[in-house]
C-alpha atoms as a PDB file:
ATOM      1  CA  MET A   1     188.128 -38.038-138.795  1.00  0.00           C
ATOM      2  CA  GLY A   2     187.530 -39.531-135.383  1.00  0.00           C
ATOM      3  CA  ARG A   3     186.909 -43.281-135.348  1.00  0.00           C
ATOM      4  CA  LEU A   4     187.592 -43.646-139.073  1.00  0.00           C
ATOM      5  CA  ILE A   5     191.369 -43.603-138.591  1.00  0.00           C
ATOM      6  CA  ALA A   6     193.601 -45.142-135.906  1.00  0.00           C
ATOM      7  CA  ARG A   7     197.267 -44.318-135.315  1.00  0.00           C
ATOM      8  CA  ARG A   8     199.752 -47.083-134.664  1.00  0.00           C
ATOM      9  CA  PRO A   9     203.569 -47.204-134.472  1.00  0.00           C
ATOM     10  CA  VAL A  10     205.306 -49.247-137.161  1.00  0.00           C
ATOM     11  CA  ILE A  11     208.852 -50.181-138.063  1.00  0.00           C
ATOM     12  CA  ARG A  12     209.677 -48.968-141.574  1.00  0.00           C
ATOM     13  CA  ILE A  13     212.364 -51.126-143.218  1.00  0.00           C
ATOM     14  CA  GLY A  14     214.086 -50.118-146.442  1.00  0.00           C
ATOM     15  CA  PRO A  15     217.471 -49.798-148.197  1.00  0.00           C
ATOM     16  CA  ASP A  16     218.541 -47.176-145.657  1.00  0.00           C
ATOM     17  CA  GLY A  17     217.790 -49.373-142.685  1.00  0.00           C
ATOM     18  CA  GLU A  18     214.870 -49.264-140.292  1.00  0.00           C
ATOM     19  CA  ARG A  19     213.144 -46.565-138.313  1.00  0.00           C
ATOM     20  CA  SER A  20     210.098 -46.230-136.114  1.00  0.00           C
ATOM     21  CA  ARG A  21     207.256 -44.040-137.350  1.00  0.00           C
ATOM     22  CA  PRO A  22     203.508 -43.602-136.783  1.00  0.00           C
ATOM     23  CA  ASP A  23     201.118 -44.973-139.362  1.00  0.00           C
ATOM     24  CA  SER A  24     197.414 -44.416-140.063  1.00  0.00           C
ATOM     25  CA  LEU A  25     195.109 -47.432-140.238  1.00  0.00           C
ATOM     26  CA  ALA A  26     191.486 -47.623-141.347  1.00  0.00           C
ATOM     27  CA  VAL A  27     189.310 -48.465-138.353  1.00  0.00           C
ATOM     28  CA  GLU A  28     187.396 -51.740-138.566  1.00  0.00           C
ATOM     29  CA  GLU A  29     184.701 -52.464-135.986  1.00  0.00           C
ATOM     30  CA  PRO A  30     181.703 -54.796-135.806  1.00  0.00           C
ATOM     31  CA  LEU A  31     178.198 -53.492-136.332  1.00  0.00           C
ATOM     32  CA  GLU A  32     175.338 -55.633-135.104  1.00  0.00           C
ATOM     33  CA  LEU A  33     172.125 -54.933-136.998  1.00  0.00           C
ATOM     34  CA  ARG A  34     168.871 -55.653-135.218  1.00  0.00           C
ATOM     35  CA  VAL A  35     165.331 -55.454-136.547  1.00  0.00           C
ATOM     36  CA  ASP A  36     162.652 -54.796-133.933  1.00  0.00           C
ATOM     37  CA  GLY A  37     165.073 -55.886-131.232  1.00  0.00           C
ATOM     38  CA  LYS A  38     166.049 -59.174-132.890  1.00  0.00           C
ATOM     39  CA  ALA A  39     169.657 -59.657-134.007  1.00  0.00           C
ATOM     40  CA  LEU A  40     169.824 -60.043-137.781  1.00  0.00           C
ATOM     41  CA  ALA A  41     173.450 -59.690-138.861  1.00  0.00           C
ATOM     42  CA  VAL A  42     176.895 -58.623-137.752  1.00  0.00           C
ATOM     43  CA  THR A  43     179.179 -56.999-140.291  1.00  0.00           C
ATOM     44  CA  MET A  44     182.716 -55.704-139.942  1.00  0.00           C
ATOM     45  CA  ARG A  45     182.659 -52.131-141.180  1.00  0.00           C
ATOM     46  CA  THR A  46     184.245 -48.695-141.054  1.00  0.00           C
ATOM     47  CA  PRO A  47     182.203 -46.657-138.540  1.00  0.00           C
ATOM     48  CA  GLY A  48     180.114 -43.871-140.030  1.00  0.00           C
ATOM     49  CA  HIS A  49     176.957 -43.680-142.139  1.00  0.00           C
ATOM     50  CA  ASP A  50     175.654 -46.698-140.202  1.00  0.00           C
ATOM     51  CA  VAL A  51     172.002 -45.765-140.747  1.00  0.00           C
ATOM     52  CA  GLU A  52     172.611 -45.637-144.495  1.00  0.00           C
ATOM     53  CA  LEU A  53     174.408 -48.979-144.318  1.00  0.00           C
ATOM     54  CA  ALA A  54     171.491 -50.557-142.460  1.00  0.00           C
ATOM     55  CA  HIS A  55     168.900 -49.153-144.878  1.00  0.00           C
ATOM     56  CA  GLY A  56     170.951 -50.271-147.871  1.00  0.00           C
ATOM     57  CA  PHE A  57     171.447 -53.739-146.432  1.00  0.00           C
ATOM     58  CA  LEU A  58     167.753 -54.229-145.730  1.00  0.00           C
ATOM     59  CA  GLN A  59     166.798 -52.874-149.170  1.00  0.00           C
ATOM     60  CA  THR A  60     169.225 -55.084-151.076  1.00  0.00           C
ATOM     61  CA  GLU A  61     168.135 -58.093-149.035  1.00  0.00           C
ATOM     62  CA  GLY A  62     164.529 -57.452-150.041  1.00  0.00           C
ATOM     63  CA  VAL A  63     163.335 -56.668-146.506  1.00  0.00           C
ATOM     64  CA  ILE A  64     162.244 -53.097-147.290  1.00  0.00           C
ATOM     65  CA  GLY A  65     161.316 -51.256-150.454  1.00  0.00           C
ATOM     66  CA  SER A  66     161.418 -47.632-149.322  1.00  0.00           C
ATOM     67  CA  ALA A  67     162.509 -45.466-146.414  1.00  0.00           C
ATOM     68  CA  ASP A  68     158.888 -45.406-145.232  1.00  0.00           C
ATOM     69  CA  ASP A  69     159.226 -49.086-144.318  1.00  0.00           C
ATOM     70  CA  ILE A  70     161.492 -48.093-141.415  1.00  0.00           C
ATOM     71  CA  ARG A  71     159.819 -46.542-138.375  1.00  0.00           C
ATOM     72  CA  ASP A  72     162.994 -45.556-136.545  1.00  0.00           C
ATOM     73  CA  ALA A  73     166.676 -46.360-136.143  1.00  0.00           C
ATOM     74  CA  ARG A  74     168.521 -46.095-132.858  1.00  0.00           C
ATOM     75  CA  TYR A  75     171.804 -47.187-131.346  1.00  0.00           C
ATOM     76  CA  CYS A  76     171.425 -49.623-128.484  1.00  0.00           C
ATOM     77  CA  ASP A  77     173.287 -49.327-125.211  1.00  0.00           C
ATOM     78  CA  SER A  78     176.531 -51.094-126.112  1.00  0.00           C
ATOM     79  CA  ARG A  79     179.411 -50.215-123.767  1.00  0.00           C
ATOM     80  CA  ASP A  80     183.167 -50.739-123.892  1.00  0.00           C
ATOM     81  CA  ASP A  81     185.431 -51.575-120.949  1.00  0.00           C
ATOM     82  CA  GLU A  82     185.446 -47.934-119.898  1.00  0.00           C
ATOM     83  CA  GLY A  83     181.677 -47.587-120.013  1.00  0.00           C
ATOM     84  CA  ARG A  84     181.522 -45.562-123.224  1.00  0.00           C
ATOM     85  CA  ASN A  85     178.895 -46.242-125.874  1.00  0.00           C
ATOM     86  CA  THR A  86     180.525 -48.061-128.776  1.00  0.00           C
ATOM     87  CA  TYR A  87     177.741 -47.224-131.250  1.00  0.00           C
ATOM     88  CA  ASN A  88     178.220 -50.736-132.618  1.00  0.00           C
ATOM     89  CA  VAL A  89     174.653 -52.008-132.177  1.00  0.00           C
ATOM     90  CA  LEU A  90     171.930 -50.477-134.349  1.00  0.00           C
ATOM     91  CA  ASP A  91     168.260 -51.420-134.027  1.00  0.00           C
ATOM     92  CA  LEU A  92     165.821 -50.601-136.821  1.00  0.00           C
ATOM     93  CA  GLY A  93     162.107 -50.655-136.174  1.00  0.00           C
ATOM     94  CA  LEU A  94     159.884 -51.681-139.071  1.00  0.00           C
ATOM     95  CA  ALA A  95     156.832 -49.594-139.886  1.00  0.00           C
ATOM     96  CA  PRO A  96     153.419 -51.123-139.141  1.00  0.00           C
ATOM     97  CA  GLY A  97     152.472 -53.733-141.717  1.00  0.00           C
ATOM     98  CA  VAL A  98     156.016 -54.397-142.960  1.00  0.00           C
ATOM     99  CA  PRO A  99     156.765 -58.135-142.662  1.00  0.00           C
ATOM    100  CA  PRO A 100     159.835 -59.123-140.629  1.00  0.00           C
ATOM    101  CA  PRO A 101     162.882 -60.547-142.419  1.00  0.00           C
ATOM    102  CA  VAL A 102     162.519 -64.119-143.586  1.00  0.00           C
ATOM    103  CA  THR A 103     164.835 -66.727-142.148  1.00  0.00           C
ATOM    104  CA  GLY A 104     167.011 -66.739-145.276  1.00  0.00           C
ATOM    105  CA  VAL A 105     168.154 -63.173-144.634  1.00  0.00           C
ATOM    106  CA  GLU A 106     169.658 -64.011-141.260  1.00  0.00           C
ATOM    107  CA  ARG A 107     173.409 -64.331-141.146  1.00  0.00           C
ATOM    108  CA  ASN A 108     174.264 -66.860-138.478  1.00  0.00           C
ATOM    109  CA  PHE A 109     177.967 -66.047-138.651  1.00  0.00           C
ATOM    110  CA  TYR A 110     179.549 -62.620-138.717  1.00  0.00           C
ATOM    111  CA  THR A 111     180.128 -61.084-142.119  1.00  0.00           C
ATOM    112  CA  THR A 112     183.779 -60.234-142.712  1.00  0.00           C
ATOM    113  CA  SER A 113     184.818 -57.008-144.367  1.00  0.00           C
ATOM    114  CA  SER A 114     185.992 -58.948-147.433  1.00  0.00           C
ATOM    115  CA  CYS A 115     182.960 -61.133-148.062  1.00  0.00           C
ATOM    116  CA  GLY A 116     179.327 -60.265-147.669  1.00  0.00           C
ATOM    117  CA  VAL A 117     177.786 -63.542-148.839  1.00  0.00           C
ATOM    118  CA  CYS A 118     179.736 -66.222-147.005  1.00  0.00           C
ATOM    119  CA  GLY A 119     177.726 -65.811-143.805  1.00  0.00           C
ATOM    120  CA  LYS A 120     174.332 -66.378-145.443  1.00  0.00           C
ATOM    121  CA  ALA A 121     172.138 -68.786-143.514  1.00  0.00           C
ATOM    122  CA  SER A 122     171.178 -70.469-146.782  1.00  0.00           C
ATOM    123  CA  LEU A 123     172.628 -70.317-150.260  1.00  0.00           C
ATOM    124  CA  ASP A 124     169.054 -70.513-151.530  1.00  0.00           C
ATOM    125  CA  ALA A 125     168.631 -66.923-150.302  1.00  0.00           C
ATOM    126  CA  VAL A 126     171.457 -65.554-152.456  1.00  0.00           C
ATOM    127  CA  ARG A 127     169.519 -65.097-155.693  1.00  0.00           C
ATOM    128  CA  LEU A 128     166.941 -62.606-154.565  1.00  0.00           C
ATOM    129  CA  LYS A 129     164.040 -61.273-156.597  1.00  0.00           C
ATOM    130  CA  THR A 130     164.198 -57.553-157.122  1.00  0.00           C
ATOM    131  CA  ARG A 131     161.281 -55.128-156.907  1.00  0.00           C
ATOM    132  CA  HIS A 132     163.118 -52.786-159.282  1.00  0.00           C
ATOM    133  CA  SER A 133     164.408 -54.655-162.315  1.00  0.00           C
ATOM    134  CA  PRO A 134     166.923 -52.618-164.352  1.00  0.00           C
ATOM    135  CA  ALA A 135     166.079 -54.506-167.544  1.00  0.00           C
ATOM    136  CA  GLU A 136     163.800 -51.831-169.037  1.00  0.00           C
ATOM    137  CA  ASP A 137     166.026 -48.864-168.143  1.00  0.00           C
ATOM    138  CA  ASP A 138     167.122 -47.282-171.437  1.00  0.00           C
ATOM    139  CA  VAL A 139     169.763 -44.938-169.996  1.00  0.00           C
ATOM    140  CA  GLN A 140     172.883 -44.437-172.077  1.00  0.00           C
ATOM    141  CA  ILE A 141     176.339 -43.220-171.112  1.00  0.00           C
ATOM    142  CA  ARG A 142     179.256 -42.335-173.344  1.00  0.00           C
ATOM    143  CA  TYR A 143     182.120 -44.760-172.928  1.00  0.00           C
ATOM    144  CA  ASP A 144     184.633 -41.930-172.436  1.00  0.00           C
ATOM    145  CA  VAL A 145     182.525 -40.500-169.598  1.00  0.00           C
ATOM    146  CA  LEU A 146     182.272 -43.936-167.978  1.00  0.00           C
ATOM    147  CA  ALA A 147     186.025 -44.414-168.365  1.00  0.00           C
ATOM    148  CA  GLU A 148     186.693 -41.298-166.273  1.00  0.00           C
ATOM    149  CA  LEU A 149     184.384 -42.125-163.355  1.00  0.00           C
ATOM    150  CA  PRO A 150     186.818 -44.289-161.318  1.00  0.00           C
ATOM    151  CA  ASP A 151     189.297 -41.400-161.356  1.00  0.00           C
ATOM    152  CA  VAL A 152     186.585 -39.046-160.115  1.00  0.00           C
ATOM    153  CA  LEU A 153     185.711 -41.552-157.398  1.00  0.00           C
ATOM    154  CA  ARG A 154     189.349 -41.851-156.410  1.00  0.00           C
ATOM    155  CA  THR A 155     189.691 -38.096-155.848  1.00  0.00           C
ATOM    156  CA  ARG A 156     186.913 -38.278-153.263  1.00  0.00           C
ATOM    157  CA  GLN A 157     188.406 -41.106-151.184  1.00  0.00           C
ATOM    158  CA  GLN A 158     189.565 -39.016-148.241  1.00  0.00           C
ATOM    159  CA  VAL A 159     190.172 -41.847-145.783  1.00  0.00           C
ATOM    160  CA  PHE A 160     191.926 -43.963-148.428  1.00  0.00           C
ATOM    161  CA  ASP A 161     194.368 -41.097-148.911  1.00  0.00           C
ATOM    162  CA  ARG A 162     195.314 -41.386-145.239  1.00  0.00           C
ATOM    163  CA  THR A 163     195.300 -45.177-144.874  1.00  0.00           C
ATOM    164  CA  GLY A 164     195.350 -46.886-148.281  1.00  0.00           C
ATOM    165  CA  GLY A 165     192.958 -49.448-146.815  1.00  0.00           C
ATOM    166  CA  LEU A 166     189.402 -48.722-147.926  1.00  0.00           C
ATOM    167  CA  HIS A 167     187.068 -49.590-150.759  1.00  0.00           C
ATOM    168  CA  ALA A 168     184.779 -46.984-152.259  1.00  0.00           C
ATOM    169  CA  ALA A 169     181.470 -46.876-154.114  1.00  0.00           C
ATOM    170  CA  GLY A 170     179.806 -43.954-155.827  1.00  0.00           C
ATOM    171  CA  LEU A 171     176.610 -43.127-157.688  1.00  0.00           C
ATOM    172  CA  PHE A 172     176.883 -41.017-160.837  1.00  0.00           C
ATOM    173  CA  THR A 173     174.543 -39.498-163.381  1.00  0.00           C
ATOM    174  CA  PRO A 174     174.987 -40.401-167.083  1.00  0.00           C
ATOM    175  CA  THR A 175     176.761 -37.067-167.603  1.00  0.00           C
ATOM    176  CA  GLY A 176     179.366 -37.956-164.981  1.00  0.00           C
ATOM    177  CA  ASP A 177     178.093 -35.923-162.053  1.00  0.00           C
ATOM    178  CA  LEU A 178     178.902 -37.557-158.721  1.00  0.00           C
ATOM    179  CA  LEU A 179     175.908 -37.791-156.387  1.00  0.00           C
ATOM    180  CA  VAL A 180     177.409 -39.624-153.425  1.00  0.00           C
ATOM    181  CA  VAL A 181     180.547 -41.530-152.453  1.00  0.00           C
ATOM    182  CA  ARG A 182     181.071 -43.774-149.449  1.00  0.00           C
ATOM    183  CA  GLU A 183     184.165 -45.614-148.166  1.00  0.00           C
ATOM    184  CA  ASP A 184     184.412 -48.763-146.088  1.00  0.00           C
ATOM    185  CA  VAL A 185     186.759 -51.631-145.302  1.00  0.00           C
ATOM    186  CA  GLY A 186     184.114 -53.867-146.891  1.00  0.00           C
ATOM    187  CA  ARG A 187     183.230 -53.308-150.535  1.00  0.00           C
ATOM    188  CA  HIS A 188     179.704 -54.597-149.903  1.00  0.00           C
ATOM    189  CA  ASN A 189     179.316 -52.155-147.010  1.00  0.00           C
ATOM    190  CA  ALA A 190     180.392 -49.234-149.198  1.00  0.00           C
ATOM    191  CA  VAL A 191     177.706 -50.191-151.718  1.00  0.00           C
ATOM    192  CA  ASP A 192     175.096 -50.632-148.977  1.00  0.00           C
ATOM    193  CA  LYS A 193     175.903 -47.139-147.687  1.00  0.00           C
ATOM    194  CA  VAL A 194     175.488 -45.653-151.167  1.00  0.00           C
ATOM    195  CA  ILE A 195     172.205 -47.476-151.738  1.00  0.00           C
ATOM    196  CA  GLY A 196     171.046 -46.509-148.258  1.00  0.00           C
ATOM    197  CA  TRP A 197     171.763 -42.880-149.115  1.00  0.00           C
ATOM    198  CA  ALA A 198     169.698 -43.242-152.292  1.00  0.00           C
ATOM    199  CA  LEU A 199     166.857 -44.875-150.384  1.00  0.00           C
ATOM    200  CA  LEU A 200     166.757 -42.089-147.805  1.00  0.00           C
ATOM    201  CA  ALA A 201     166.891 -39.522-150.637  1.00  0.00           C
ATOM    202  CA  ASN A 202     163.897 -41.207-152.309  1.00  0.00           C
ATOM    203  CA  ARG A 203     166.029 -42.257-155.298  1.00  0.00           C
ATOM    204  CA  ILE A 204     165.236 -45.970-155.240  1.00  0.00           C
ATOM    205  CA  PRO A 205     164.702 -47.382-157.792  1.00  0.00           C
ATOM    206  CA  ALA A 206     167.907 -45.755-158.998  1.00  0.00           C
ATOM    207  CA  ARG A 207     166.794 -45.332-162.588  1.00  0.00           C
ATOM    208  CA  GLY A 208     169.328 -43.818-164.939  1.00  0.00           C
ATOM    209  CA  LEU A 209     172.239 -43.955-162.477  1.00  0.00           C
ATOM    210  CA  ILE A 210     175.661 -45.582-162.633  1.00  0.00           C
ATOM    211  CA  LEU A 211     177.289 -47.404-159.716  1.00  0.00           C
ATOM    212  CA  ILE A 212     181.102 -47.374-159.684  1.00  0.00           C
ATOM    213  CA  VAL A 213     183.151 -49.538-157.292  1.00  0.00           C
ATOM    214  CA  SER A 214     186.851 -49.215-156.611  1.00  0.00           C
ATOM    215  CA  GLY A 215     187.724 -52.903-156.738  1.00  0.00           C
ATOM    216  CA  ARG A 216     186.333 -55.979-158.391  1.00  0.00           C
ATOM    217  CA  ALA A 217     182.686 -56.641-159.198  1.00  0.00           C
ATOM    218  CA  SER A 218     181.569 -59.643-157.176  1.00  0.00           C
ATOM    219  CA  PHE A 219     178.273 -61.479-157.380  1.00  0.00           C
ATOM    220  CA  GLU A 220     176.956 -59.697-154.315  1.00  0.00           C
ATOM    221  CA  LEU A 221     177.710 -56.232-155.677  1.00  0.00           C
ATOM    222  CA  ALA A 222     175.909 -57.092-158.898  1.00  0.00           C
ATOM    223  CA  GLN A 223     172.991 -58.392-156.859  1.00  0.00           C
ATOM    224  CA  LYS A 224     172.842 -55.180-154.822  1.00  0.00           C
ATOM    225  CA  ALA A 225     172.805 -53.099-158.003  1.00  0.00           C
ATOM    226  CA  VAL A 226     169.947 -55.187-159.397  1.00  0.00           C
ATOM    227  CA  MET A 227     167.983 -54.980-156.158  1.00  0.00           C
ATOM    228  CA  ALA A 228     168.286 -51.185-156.195  1.00  0.00           C
ATOM    229  CA  GLY A 229     167.269 -50.886-159.856  1.00  0.00           C
ATOM    230  CA  ILE A 230     170.687 -49.562-160.923  1.00  0.00           C
ATOM    231  CA  PRO A 231     171.147 -50.164-164.677  1.00  0.00           C
ATOM    232  CA  VAL A 232     174.966 -49.856-164.959  1.00  0.00           C
ATOM    233  CA  LEU A 233     177.681 -51.255-162.685  1.00  0.00           C
ATOM    234  CA  GLY A 234     181.298 -50.370-163.390  1.00  0.00           C
ATOM    235  CA  ALA A 235     184.395 -51.692-161.618  1.00  0.00           C
ATOM    236  CA  VAL A 236     188.060 -50.776-161.676  1.00  0.00           C
ATOM    237  CA  SER A 237     188.996 -54.455-161.615  1.00  0.00           C
ATOM    238  CA  ALA A 238     187.521 -57.705-162.893  1.00  0.00           C
ATOM    239  CA  PRO A 239     184.033 -59.085-162.420  1.00  0.00           C
ATOM    240  CA  SER A 240     183.490 -62.643-161.292  1.00  0.00           C
ATOM    241  CA  SER A 241     181.833 -65.160-163.593  1.00  0.00           C
ATOM    242  CA  LEU A 242     178.795 -65.333-161.308  1.00  0.00           C
ATOM    243  CA  ALA A 243     178.470 -61.541-161.322  1.00  0.00           C
ATOM    244  CA  ALA A 244     178.457 -61.599-165.124  1.00  0.00           C
ATOM    245  CA  ASP A 245     175.864 -64.387-165.172  1.00  0.00           C
ATOM    246  CA  LEU A 246     173.579 -62.482-162.811  1.00  0.00           C
ATOM    247  CA  ALA A 247     174.016 -59.232-164.748  1.00  0.00           C
ATOM    248  CA  ASP A 248     173.196 -60.984-168.014  1.00  0.00           C
ATOM    249  CA  GLU A 249     170.063 -62.587-166.577  1.00  0.00           C
ATOM    250  CA  SER A 250     168.884 -59.400-164.852  1.00  0.00           C
ATOM    251  CA  GLY A 251     169.388 -56.780-167.544  1.00  0.00           C
ATOM    252  CA  LEU A 252     172.310 -55.094-165.763  1.00  0.00           C
ATOM    253  CA  THR A 253     175.108 -53.550-167.820  1.00  0.00           C
ATOM    254  CA  LEU A 254     178.372 -54.734-166.303  1.00  0.00           C
ATOM    255  CA  ALA A 255     181.718 -53.123-167.150  1.00  0.00           C
ATOM    256  CA  GLY A 256     185.119 -53.966-165.703  1.00  0.00           C
ATOM    257  CA  PHE A 257     188.786 -53.028-165.953  1.00  0.00           C
ATOM    258  CA  ILE A 258     187.821 -49.362-166.275  1.00  0.00           C
ATOM    259  CA  ARG A 259     191.221 -47.755-166.387  1.00  0.00           C
ATOM    260  CA  ASN A 260     193.505 -45.739-168.671  1.00  0.00           C
ATOM    261  CA  GLY A 261     190.653 -44.649-170.925  1.00  0.00           C
ATOM    262  CA  SER A 262     189.359 -48.121-171.786  1.00  0.00           C
ATOM    263  CA  LEU A 263     186.978 -50.718-170.368  1.00  0.00           C
ATOM    264  CA  ASN A 264     185.502 -54.151-170.950  1.00  0.00           C
ATOM    265  CA  VAL A 265     181.728 -54.511-171.286  1.00  0.00           C
ATOM    266  CA  TYR A 266     180.534 -57.954-170.220  1.00  0.00           C
ATOM    267  CA  THR A 267     176.760 -57.658-170.472  1.00  0.00           C
ATOM    268  CA  HIS A 268     174.124 -55.467-172.131  1.00  0.00           C
ATOM    269  CA  PRO A 269     176.503 -53.143-174.015  1.00  0.00           C
ATOM    270  CA  HIS A 270     173.617 -51.188-175.603  1.00  0.00           C
ATOM    271  CA  ARG A 271     173.748 -48.664-172.738  1.00  0.00           C
ATOM    272  CA  ILE A 272     177.344 -47.656-173.477  1.00  0.00           C
ATOM    273  CA  THR A 273     177.806 -45.603-176.606  1.00  0.00           C
ATOM    274  CA  THR A 274     180.498 -43.738-178.497  1.00  0.00           C
ATOM    275  CA  ARG A 275     177.949 -41.244-179.766  1.00  0.00           C
ATOM    276  CA  ALA A 276     176.641 -38.115-178.099  1.00  0.00           C
ATOM    277  CA  VAL A 277     173.923 -38.920-175.578  1.00  0.00           C
ATOM    278  CA  ARG A 278     170.654 -37.061-175.891  1.00  0.00           C
ATOM    279  CA  PRO A 279     169.779 -35.021-172.759  1.00  0.00           C
END
């Protein structure tokens, strides 16, 4: 798995004493995103699917609306101490006529893998207006199908199986078919990668799809779902109060604590049914 996993010696201590053994760690490296040569953001991420991450980030920040808004994407010449390309600087060129990012999108401090919002240049930029409101999406999903999706997602977390240190996000159909799954040390990065995949596959707005995340549902993840036109967001753990407020205002169905065959529905429960769903 290349740069996704790093090996490191550890001391294992238990009832039988201590012993030295190798351990697998999820790789975390910075990615600097540039737009037309200008630095826009730095995020700590798991290497891989960087172009998807960049597309998803720009889409959920309202910079672009489709893949056609990007002219090209290329890694810049970033070198390590041994002269090798780190592939940690990615420059995206906007298509002719696409306005550059507004100042509010710039992140003046690096974005950690645990928090995607705290580096915003201005809190006024947090509540973004979506081009693809999920409010009118009438998709329905059976609650028992929704309750199984985190387990399906978990079976596809290959790097997590080796390291135990990654978040995951996946897009599903209402019948439970998995379209894409992405892993990352940052939950917001995993969602950006999934949305970037959908954008490049011409599936934005993501009408009729369900986004499942492996951890909690934060405000930013709810915002990303709304920006992508995703009507249902489900999380293994709890949502935050601000995520629930945003979901309620935006027409997003928000479900949490999806585990052991049950779930809590916090907003717009009309999309989750116990009856058979018409094809």
